[in-house]
Amino acid sequence: MKVSVITATYNRVPTIVRAISSIKSQTYSDVQVVVIDGASEDSTVSLVSNFLSRDDVLLSEPDNGIYDALNKGLDLASGEIIAFLHSDDRYFDDDVISTVMKYFEDDSVDVVYGNVCFFSGENVEKVVRTYHSDVLSLKNLAWGKMPAHPAMFIRNRVYEK
């Protein structure tokens, strides 16, 4: 199963290489990177293009904000599983996607999610806070308790519905 990781970006030279490298270093082999850039005025696009493979997507054009960019990414993603990783985020380690994909071997599983760690500025080894995602239920959603979306993987068929 292919995983598409969507990253929305705009003028993110300081962090975009770290984010894309985090995706590219995953041990899971079938990962598509989808970068939607809001017409950056710095060298974000040229930095990203150095990391992309044949199946990856880079679109740079004006948009109407991050949600517009993420929706464009959903339209261009070809993976059965969709994830979002923001331009200043990274995966905790190189096995995150491999670990997650084991759960998707069960076709009845539509969503897999976990916790996220916040790191200190440029020191990605120094965790300053951990956000624990609550159980995904209607009650928790009603109270605004959401799983952290950078640690959420969802089957594309859910988005299509």
Foldseek 3Di string as FASTA:
>chain_A
DAEEEEEEEAQLVVFQVQALVLQVLAPDDRYEYEYEYQQHPDCSVVSVVVRHDPRHYYHYHHADDDVRSVVVSLVSDDDQKYAYDYRRGHDPDNHLVVVQVVVVVPVVDFKDFFKDFDADPPPPVHTDDIGGQDDDDPVCVVVVRGGDRNGMMGGSVVVVD
